[in-house]
């Protein structure tokens, strides 16, 4: 089981592309114009991905003007 979980609340996304510019390894713009977390699973309207290394996702979450990206460490939200 991965230590970290990255999640995006897609309905809150404002399509600014900040996450894509900061962390293109994990983020891309979807055809609908909103951010997409690569290799994620859809959970309701949101997307989640478990990872062993949070990599640049902390920076993406901290710099998201819509605050719709969240990072969890062993189930506890850190961003």
PDB file of N, CA and C in Angstrom:
ATOM      1  N   UNK A   1       0.835  -1.184   0.000  1.00  0.00           N
ATOM      2  CA  UNK A   1       0.000   0.000   0.000  1.00  0.00           C
ATOM      3  C   UNK A   1       0.883   1.252   0.000  1.00  0.00           C
ATOM      4  N   UNK A   2       0.519   2.202  -0.834  1.00  0.00           N
ATOM      5  CA  UNK A   2       1.292   3.434  -0.953  1.00  0.00           C
ATOM      6  C   UNK A   2       1.106   4.303   0.285  1.00  0.00           C
ATOM      7  N   UNK A   3       2.120   5.053   0.583  1.00  0.00           N
ATOM      8  CA  UNK A   3       2.090   5.913   1.768  1.00  0.00           C
ATOM      9  C   UNK A   3       1.233   7.163   1.550  1.00  0.00           C
ATOM     10  N   UNK A   4       1.284   7.723   0.349  1.00  0.00           N
ATOM     11  CA  UNK A   4       0.612   8.993   0.073  1.00  0.00           C
ATOM     12  C   UNK A   4      -0.582   8.814  -0.854  1.00  0.00           C
ATOM     13  N   UNK A   5      -1.528   9.735  -0.725  1.00  0.00           N
ATOM     14  CA  UNK A   5      -2.644   9.809  -1.664  1.00  0.00           C
ATOM     15  C   UNK A   5      -2.747  11.257  -2.122  1.00  0.00           C
ATOM     16  N   UNK A   6      -2.885  11.444  -3.425  1.00  0.00           N
ATOM     17  CA  UNK A   6      -3.090  12.757  -4.008  1.00  0.00           C
ATOM     18  C   UNK A   6      -4.517  12.774  -4.535  1.00  0.00           C
ATOM     19  N   UNK A   7      -5.222  13.873  -4.303  1.00  0.00           N
ATOM     20  CA  UNK A   7      -6.619  13.959  -4.705  1.00  0.00           C
ATOM     21  C   UNK A   7      -6.919  15.339  -5.276  1.00  0.00           C
ATOM     22  N   UNK A   8      -7.760  15.375  -6.296  1.00  0.00           N
ATOM     23  CA  UNK A   8      -8.234  16.650  -6.836  1.00  0.00           C
ATOM     24  C   UNK A   8      -9.751  16.675  -6.801  1.00  0.00           C
ATOM     25  N   UNK A   9     -10.278  17.794  -6.329  1.00  0.00           N
ATOM     26  CA  UNK A   9     -11.717  18.058  -6.392  1.00  0.00           C
ATOM     27  C   UNK A   9     -11.959  18.734  -7.741  1.00  0.00           C
ATOM     28  N   UNK A  10     -12.257  17.947  -8.743  1.00  0.00           N
ATOM     29  CA  UNK A  10     -12.369  18.485 -10.101  1.00  0.00           C
ATOM     30  C   UNK A  10     -13.436  19.567 -10.252  1.00  0.00           C
ATOM     31  N   UNK A  11     -14.598  19.493  -9.567  1.00  0.00           N
ATOM     32  CA  UNK A  11     -15.589  20.562  -9.730  1.00  0.00           C
ATOM     33  C   UNK A  11     -15.107  21.932  -9.242  1.00  0.00           C
ATOM     34  N   UNK A  12     -14.055  21.945  -8.428  1.00  0.00           N
ATOM     35  CA  UNK A  12     -13.525  23.201  -7.882  1.00  0.00           C
ATOM     36  C   UNK A  12     -12.408  23.768  -8.768  1.00  0.00           C
ATOM     37  N   UNK A  13     -11.844  22.947  -9.632  1.00  0.00           N
ATOM     38  CA  UNK A  13     -10.737  23.344 -10.509  1.00  0.00           C
ATOM     39  C   UNK A  13     -11.137  24.537 -11.381  1.00  0.00           C
ATOM     40  N   UNK A  14     -10.221  25.511 -11.519  1.00  0.00           N
ATOM     41  CA  UNK A  14     -10.480  26.700 -12.340  1.00  0.00           C
ATOM     42  C   UNK A  14      -9.669  26.688 -13.644  1.00  0.00           C
ATOM     43  N   UNK A  15      -9.061  25.577 -13.971  1.00  0.00           N
ATOM     44  CA  UNK A  15      -8.329  25.398 -15.238  1.00  0.00           C
ATOM     45  C   UNK A  15      -7.154  26.349 -15.408  1.00  0.00           C
ATOM     46  N   UNK A  16      -6.466  26.675 -14.318  1.00  0.00           N
ATOM     47  CA  UNK A  16      -5.358  27.630 -14.394  1.00  0.00           C
ATOM     48  C   UNK A  16      -4.069  26.992 -14.912  1.00  0.00           C
ATOM     49  N   UNK A  17      -3.990  25.665 -14.889  1.00  0.00           N
ATOM     50  CA  UNK A  17      -2.830  24.883 -15.331  1.00  0.00           C
ATOM     51  C   UNK A  17      -1.618  24.995 -14.410  1.00  0.00           C
ATOM     52  N   UNK A  18      -1.794  25.543 -13.234  1.00  0.00           N
ATOM     53  CA  UNK A  18      -0.688  25.668 -12.289  1.00  0.00           C
ATOM     54  C   UNK A  18      -0.082  24.307 -11.970  1.00  0.00           C
ATOM     55  N   UNK A  19      -0.919  23.328 -11.688  1.00  0.00           N
ATOM     56  CA  UNK A  19      -0.422  21.988 -11.347  1.00  0.00           C
ATOM     57  C   UNK A  19       0.343  21.364 -12.511  1.00  0.00           C
ATOM     58  N   UNK A  20      -0.131  21.594 -13.722  1.00  0.00           N
ATOM     59  CA  UNK A  20       0.530  21.048 -14.913  1.00  0.00           C
ATOM     60  C   UNK A  20       1.911  21.669 -15.077  1.00  0.00           C
ATOM     61  N   UNK A  21       2.011  22.961 -14.856  1.00  0.00           N
ATOM     62  CA  UNK A  21       3.293  23.651 -14.993  1.00  0.00           C
ATOM     63  C   UNK A  21       4.276  23.265 -13.904  1.00  0.00           C
ATOM     64  N   UNK A  22       3.782  23.024 -12.693  1.00  0.00           N
ATOM     65  CA  UNK A  22       4.641  22.691 -11.559  1.00  0.00           C
ATOM     66  C   UNK A  22       5.019  21.214 -11.539  1.00  0.00           C
ATOM     67  N   UNK A  23       4.093  20.351 -11.928  1.00  0.00           N
ATOM     68  CA  UNK A  23       4.274  18.909 -11.746  1.00  0.00           C
ATOM     69  C   UNK A  23       3.750  18.120 -12.961  1.00  0.00           C
ATOM     70  N   UNK A  24       4.340  18.327 -14.137  1.00  0.00           N
ATOM     71  CA  UNK A  24       3.830  17.668 -15.352  1.00  0.00           C
ATOM     72  C   UNK A  24       3.960  16.148 -15.338  1.00  0.00           C
ATOM     73  N   UNK A  25       4.775  15.609 -14.467  1.00  0.00           N
ATOM     74  CA  UNK A  25       4.902  14.154 -14.339  1.00  0.00           C
ATOM     75  C   UNK A  25       3.576  13.538 -13.886  1.00  0.00           C
ATOM     76  N   UNK A  26       2.802  14.286 -13.105  1.00  0.00           N
ATOM     77  CA  UNK A  26       1.558  13.784 -12.534  1.00  0.00           C
ATOM     78  C   UNK A  26       0.299  14.446 -13.097  1.00  0.00           C
ATOM     79  N   UNK A  27       0.425  15.636 -13.665  1.00  0.00           N
ATOM     80  CA  UNK A  27      -0.750  16.417 -14.054  1.00  0.00           C
ATOM     81  C   UNK A  27      -0.761  16.754 -15.533  1.00  0.00           C
ATOM     82  N   UNK A  28      -1.981  16.794 -16.096  1.00  0.00           N
ATOM     83  CA  UNK A  28      -2.187  17.226 -17.480  1.00  0.00           C
ATOM     84  C   UNK A  28      -3.583  17.837 -17.570  1.00  0.00           C
ATOM     85  N   UNK A  29      -3.826  18.550 -18.645  1.00  0.00           N
ATOM     86  CA  UNK A  29      -5.148  19.111 -18.861  1.00  0.00           C
ATOM     87  C   UNK A  29      -5.977  18.080 -19.627  1.00  0.00           C
ATOM     88  N   UNK A  30      -7.169  17.822 -19.140  1.00  0.00           N
ATOM     89  CA  UNK A  30      -8.073  16.856 -19.764  1.00  0.00           C
ATOM     90  C   UNK A  30      -8.823  17.519 -20.915  1.00  0.00           C
ATOM     91  N   UNK A  31      -9.422  16.735 -21.786  1.00  0.00           N
ATOM     92  CA  UNK A  31     -10.189  17.301 -22.901  1.00  0.00           C
ATOM     93  C   UNK A  31     -11.314  18.251 -22.463  1.00  0.00           C
ATOM     94  N   UNK A  32     -11.829  18.070 -21.249  1.00  0.00           N
ATOM     95  CA  UNK A  32     -12.892  18.960 -20.771  1.00  0.00           C
ATOM     96  C   UNK A  32     -12.351  20.296 -20.259  1.00  0.00           C
ATOM     97  N   UNK A  33     -11.020  20.492 -20.317  1.00  0.00           N
ATOM     98  CA  UNK A  33     -10.422  21.762 -19.939  1.00  0.00           C
ATOM     99  C   UNK A  33     -10.000  21.872 -18.489  1.00  0.00           C
ATOM    100  N   UNK A  34     -10.215  20.819 -17.701  1.00  0.00           N
ATOM    101  CA  UNK A  34      -9.840  20.842 -16.295  1.00  0.00           C
ATOM    102  C   UNK A  34      -8.632  19.943 -16.056  1.00  0.00           C
ATOM    103  N   UNK A  35      -7.983  20.141 -14.927  1.00  0.00           N
ATOM    104  CA  UNK A  35      -6.805  19.340 -14.596  1.00  0.00           C
ATOM    105  C   UNK A  35      -7.179  17.881 -14.396  1.00  0.00           C
ATOM    106  N   UNK A  36      -6.257  17.025 -14.803  1.00  0.00           N
ATOM    107  CA  UNK A  36      -6.427  15.577 -14.662  1.00  0.00           C
ATOM    108  C   UNK A  36      -5.184  15.012 -13.997  1.00  0.00           C
ATOM    109  N   UNK A  37      -5.390  14.223 -12.954  1.00  0.00           N
ATOM    110  CA  UNK A  37      -4.312  13.535 -12.258  1.00  0.00           C
ATOM    111  C   UNK A  37      -4.030  12.240 -13.009  1.00  0.00           C
ATOM    112  N   UNK A  38      -2.879  12.168 -13.646  1.00  0.00           N
ATOM    113  CA  UNK A  38      -2.534  11.012 -14.475  1.00  0.00           C
ATOM    114  C   UNK A  38      -2.587   9.715 -13.670  1.00  0.00           C
ATOM    115  N   UNK A  39      -3.049   8.656 -14.308  1.00  0.00           N
ATOM    116  CA  UNK A  39      -3.125   7.317 -13.713  1.00  0.00           C
ATOM    117  C   UNK A  39      -3.960   7.283 -12.435  1.00  0.00           C
ATOM    118  N   UNK A  40      -4.937   8.153 -12.336  1.00  0.00           N
ATOM    119  CA  UNK A  40      -5.784   8.210 -11.146  1.00  0.00           C
ATOM    120  C   UNK A  40      -7.048   7.393 -11.357  1.00  0.00           C
ATOM    121  N   UNK A  41      -7.769   7.195 -10.256  1.00  0.00           N
ATOM    122  CA  UNK A  41      -9.079   6.562 -10.336  1.00  0.00           C
ATOM    123  C   UNK A  41     -10.124   7.614  -9.983  1.00  0.00           C
ATOM    124  N   UNK A  42     -11.255   7.505 -10.626  1.00  0.00           N
ATOM    125  CA  UNK A  42     -12.346   8.444 -10.382  1.00  0.00           C
ATOM    126  C   UNK A  42     -13.125   7.997  -9.147  1.00  0.00           C
ATOM    127  N   UNK A  43     -13.342   8.942  -8.244  1.00  0.00           N
ATOM    128  CA  UNK A  43     -14.112   8.696  -7.027  1.00  0.00           C
ATOM    129  C   UNK A  43     -15.170   9.798  -6.969  1.00  0.00           C
ATOM    130  N   UNK A  44     -16.366   9.483  -7.387  1.00  0.00           N
ATOM    131  CA  UNK A  44     -17.393  10.510  -7.524  1.00  0.00           C
ATOM    132  C   UNK A  44     -16.963  11.469  -8.624  1.00  0.00           C
ATOM    133  N   UNK A  45     -16.931  12.759  -8.313  1.00  0.00           N
ATOM    134  CA  UNK A  45     -16.470  13.756  -9.282  1.00  0.00           C
ATOM    135  C   UNK A  45     -14.981  14.045  -9.134  1.00  0.00           C
ATOM    136  N   UNK A  46     -14.350  13.427  -8.164  1.00  0.00           N
ATOM    137  CA  UNK A  46     -12.941  13.666  -7.869  1.00  0.00           C
ATOM    138  C   UNK A  46     -12.059  12.579  -8.471  1.00  0.00           C
ATOM    139  N   UNK A  47     -10.753  12.814  -8.416  1.00  0.00           N
ATOM    140  CA  UNK A  47      -9.768  11.827  -8.854  1.00  0.00           C
ATOM    141  C   UNK A  47      -8.765  11.614  -7.726  1.00  0.00           C
ATOM    142  N   UNK A  48      -8.321  10.358  -7.564  1.00  0.00           N
ATOM    143  CA  UNK A  48      -7.352  10.015  -6.525  1.00  0.00           C
ATOM    144  C   UNK A  48      -6.277   9.110  -7.100  1.00  0.00           C
ATOM    145  N   UNK A  49      -5.088   9.250  -6.546  1.00  0.00           N
ATOM    146  CA  UNK A  49      -3.979   8.378  -6.934  1.00  0.00           C
ATOM    147  C   UNK A  49      -3.105   8.134  -5.714  1.00  0.00           C
ATOM    148  N   UNK A  50      -2.786   6.873  -5.475  1.00  0.00           N
ATOM    149  CA  UNK A  50      -1.864   6.535  -4.395  1.00  0.00           C
ATOM    150  C   UNK A  50      -0.454   6.493  -4.957  1.00  0.00           C
ATOM    151  N   UNK A  51       0.493   7.057  -4.198  1.00  0.00           N
ATOM    152  CA  UNK A  51       1.887   7.129  -4.628  1.00  0.00           C
ATOM    153  C   UNK A  51       2.803   6.841  -3.448  1.00  0.00           C
ATOM    154  N   UNK A  52       3.971   6.297  -3.740  1.00  0.00           N
ATOM    155  CA  UNK A  52       4.972   6.065  -2.700  1.00  0.00           C
ATOM    156  C   UNK A  52       5.783   7.316  -2.405  1.00  0.00           C
ATOM    157  N   UNK A  53       5.932   8.172  -3.415  1.00  0.00           N
ATOM    158  CA  UNK A  53       6.712   9.404  -3.289  1.00  0.00           C
ATOM    159  C   UNK A  53       5.816  10.552  -3.740  1.00  0.00           C
ATOM    160  N   UNK A  54       5.590  11.510  -2.872  1.00  0.00           N
ATOM    161  CA  UNK A  54       4.682  12.615  -3.185  1.00  0.00           C
ATOM    162  C   UNK A  54       5.250  13.512  -4.286  1.00  0.00           C
ATOM    163  N   UNK A  55       6.572  13.461  -4.494  1.00  0.00           N
ATOM    164  CA  UNK A  55       7.237  14.197  -5.577  1.00  0.00           C
ATOM    165  C   UNK A  55       6.835  15.669  -5.549  1.00  0.00           C
ATOM    166  N   UNK A  56       6.495  16.229  -6.685  1.00  0.00           N
ATOM    167  CA  UNK A  56       6.177  17.647  -6.795  1.00  0.00           C
ATOM    168  C   UNK A  56       4.711  17.954  -6.479  1.00  0.00           C
ATOM    169  N   UNK A  57       3.947  16.956  -6.051  1.00  0.00           N
ATOM    170  CA  UNK A  57       2.533  17.190  -5.761  1.00  0.00           C
ATOM    171  C   UNK A  57       2.307  18.126  -4.585  1.00  0.00           C
ATOM    172  N   UNK A  58       3.214  18.161  -3.618  1.00  0.00           N
ATOM    173  CA  UNK A  58       3.089  19.134  -2.529  1.00  0.00           C
ATOM    174  C   UNK A  58       3.115  20.547  -3.088  1.00  0.00           C
ATOM    175  N   UNK A  59       4.061  20.815  -3.988  1.00  0.00           N
ATOM    176  CA  UNK A  59       4.152  22.148  -4.597  1.00  0.00           C
ATOM    177  C   UNK A  59       2.910  22.460  -5.421  1.00  0.00           C
ATOM    178  N   UNK A  60       2.414  21.471  -6.156  1.00  0.00           N
ATOM    179  CA  UNK A  60       1.209  21.681  -6.961  1.00  0.00           C
ATOM    180  C   UNK A  60       0.028  22.034  -6.055  1.00  0.00           C
ATOM    181  N   UNK A  61      -0.123  21.320  -4.959  1.00  0.00           N
ATOM    182  CA  UNK A  61      -1.225  21.581  -4.036  1.00  0.00           C
ATOM    183  C   UNK A  61      -1.079  22.946  -3.362  1.00  0.00           C
ATOM    184  N   UNK A  62       0.127  23.274  -2.926  1.00  0.00           N
ATOM    185  CA  UNK A  62       0.355  24.541  -2.233  1.00  0.00           C
ATOM    186  C   UNK A  62       0.157  25.745  -3.149  1.00  0.00           C
ATOM    187  N   UNK A  63       0.391  25.577  -4.441  1.00  0.00           N
ATOM    188  CA  UNK A  63       0.286  26.687  -5.383  1.00  0.00           C
ATOM    189  C   UNK A  63      -1.021  26.729  -6.154  1.00  0.00           C
ATOM    190  N   UNK A  64      -1.924  25.803  -5.886  1.00  0.00           N
ATOM    191  CA  UNK A  64      -3.217  25.780  -6.566  1.00  0.00           C
ATOM    192  C   UNK A  64      -4.090  26.928  -6.044  1.00  0.00           C
ATOM    193  N   UNK A  65      -4.445  27.894  -6.902  1.00  0.00           N
ATOM    194  CA  UNK A  65      -5.246  29.025  -6.423  1.00  0.00           C
ATOM    195  C   UNK A  65      -6.664  28.630  -6.012  1.00  0.00           C
ATOM    196  N   UNK A  66      -7.145  27.503  -6.497  1.00  0.00           N
ATOM    197  CA  UNK A  66      -8.495  27.037  -6.137  1.00  0.00           C
ATOM    198  C   UNK A  66      -8.464  26.108  -4.923  1.00  0.00           C
ATOM    199  N   UNK A  67      -7.291  25.786  -4.433  1.00  0.00           N
ATOM    200  CA  UNK A  67      -7.083  24.856  -3.311  1.00  0.00           C
ATOM    201  C   UNK A  67      -7.897  23.568  -3.472  1.00  0.00           C
ATOM    202  N   UNK A  68      -7.870  23.027  -4.687  1.00  0.00           N
ATOM    203  CA  UNK A  68      -8.640  21.808  -4.957  1.00  0.00           C
ATOM    204  C   UNK A  68      -7.782  20.554  -4.995  1.00  0.00           C
ATOM    205  N   UNK A  69      -6.466  20.689  -4.787  1.00  0.00           N
ATOM    206  CA  UNK A  69      -5.565  19.537  -4.749  1.00  0.00           C
ATOM    207  C   UNK A  69      -5.194  19.287  -3.294  1.00  0.00           C
ATOM    208  N   UNK A  70      -5.304  18.025  -2.885  1.00  0.00           N
ATOM    209  CA  UNK A  70      -5.014  17.664  -1.503  1.00  0.00           C
ATOM    210  C   UNK A  70      -4.035  16.492  -1.478  1.00  0.00           C
ATOM    211  N   UNK A  71      -3.156  16.497  -0.500  1.00  0.00           N
ATOM    212  CA  UNK A  71      -2.178  15.426  -0.313  1.00  0.00           C
ATOM    213  C   UNK A  71      -2.370  14.844   1.077  1.00  0.00           C
ATOM    214  N   UNK A  72      -2.411  13.520   1.137  1.00  0.00           N
ATOM    215  CA  UNK A  72      -2.584  12.795   2.395  1.00  0.00           C
ATOM    216  C   UNK A  72      -1.352  11.920   2.654  1.00  0.00           C
ATOM    217  N   UNK A  73      -0.928  11.876   3.899  1.00  0.00           N
ATOM    218  CA  UNK A  73       0.183  11.036   4.328  1.00  0.00           C
ATOM    219  C   UNK A  73      -0.371  10.021   5.315  1.00  0.00           C
ATOM    220  N   UNK A  74      -0.388   8.754   4.911  1.00  0.00           N
ATOM    221  CA  UNK A  74      -0.956   7.677   5.743  1.00  0.00           C
ATOM    222  C   UNK A  74      -2.362   8.026   6.241  1.00  0.00           C
ATOM    223  N   UNK A  75      -3.179   8.584   5.348  1.00  0.00           N
ATOM    224  CA  UNK A  75      -4.565   8.886   5.658  1.00  0.00           C
ATOM    225  C   UNK A  75      -4.807  10.242   6.295  1.00  0.00           C
ATOM    226  N   UNK A  76      -3.751  10.950   6.678  1.00  0.00           N
ATOM    227  CA  UNK A  76      -3.897  12.264   7.311  1.00  0.00           C
ATOM    228  C   UNK A  76      -3.608  13.356   6.274  1.00  0.00           C
ATOM    229  N   UNK A  77      -4.548  14.273   6.125  1.00  0.00           N
ATOM    230  CA  UNK A  77      -4.372  15.355   5.144  1.00  0.00           C
ATOM    231  C   UNK A  77      -3.255  16.278   5.597  1.00  0.00           C
ATOM    232  N   UNK A  78      -2.269  16.473   4.707  1.00  0.00           N
ATOM    233  CA  UNK A  78      -1.163  17.381   5.016  1.00  0.00           C
ATOM    234  C   UNK A  78      -1.258  18.665   4.215  1.00  0.00           C
ATOM    235  N   UNK A  79      -1.950  18.632   3.085  1.00  0.00           N
ATOM    236  CA  UNK A  79      -2.190  19.844   2.281  1.00  0.00           C
ATOM    237  C   UNK A  79      -3.605  19.759   1.750  1.00  0.00           C
TER     238      UNK A  79
END
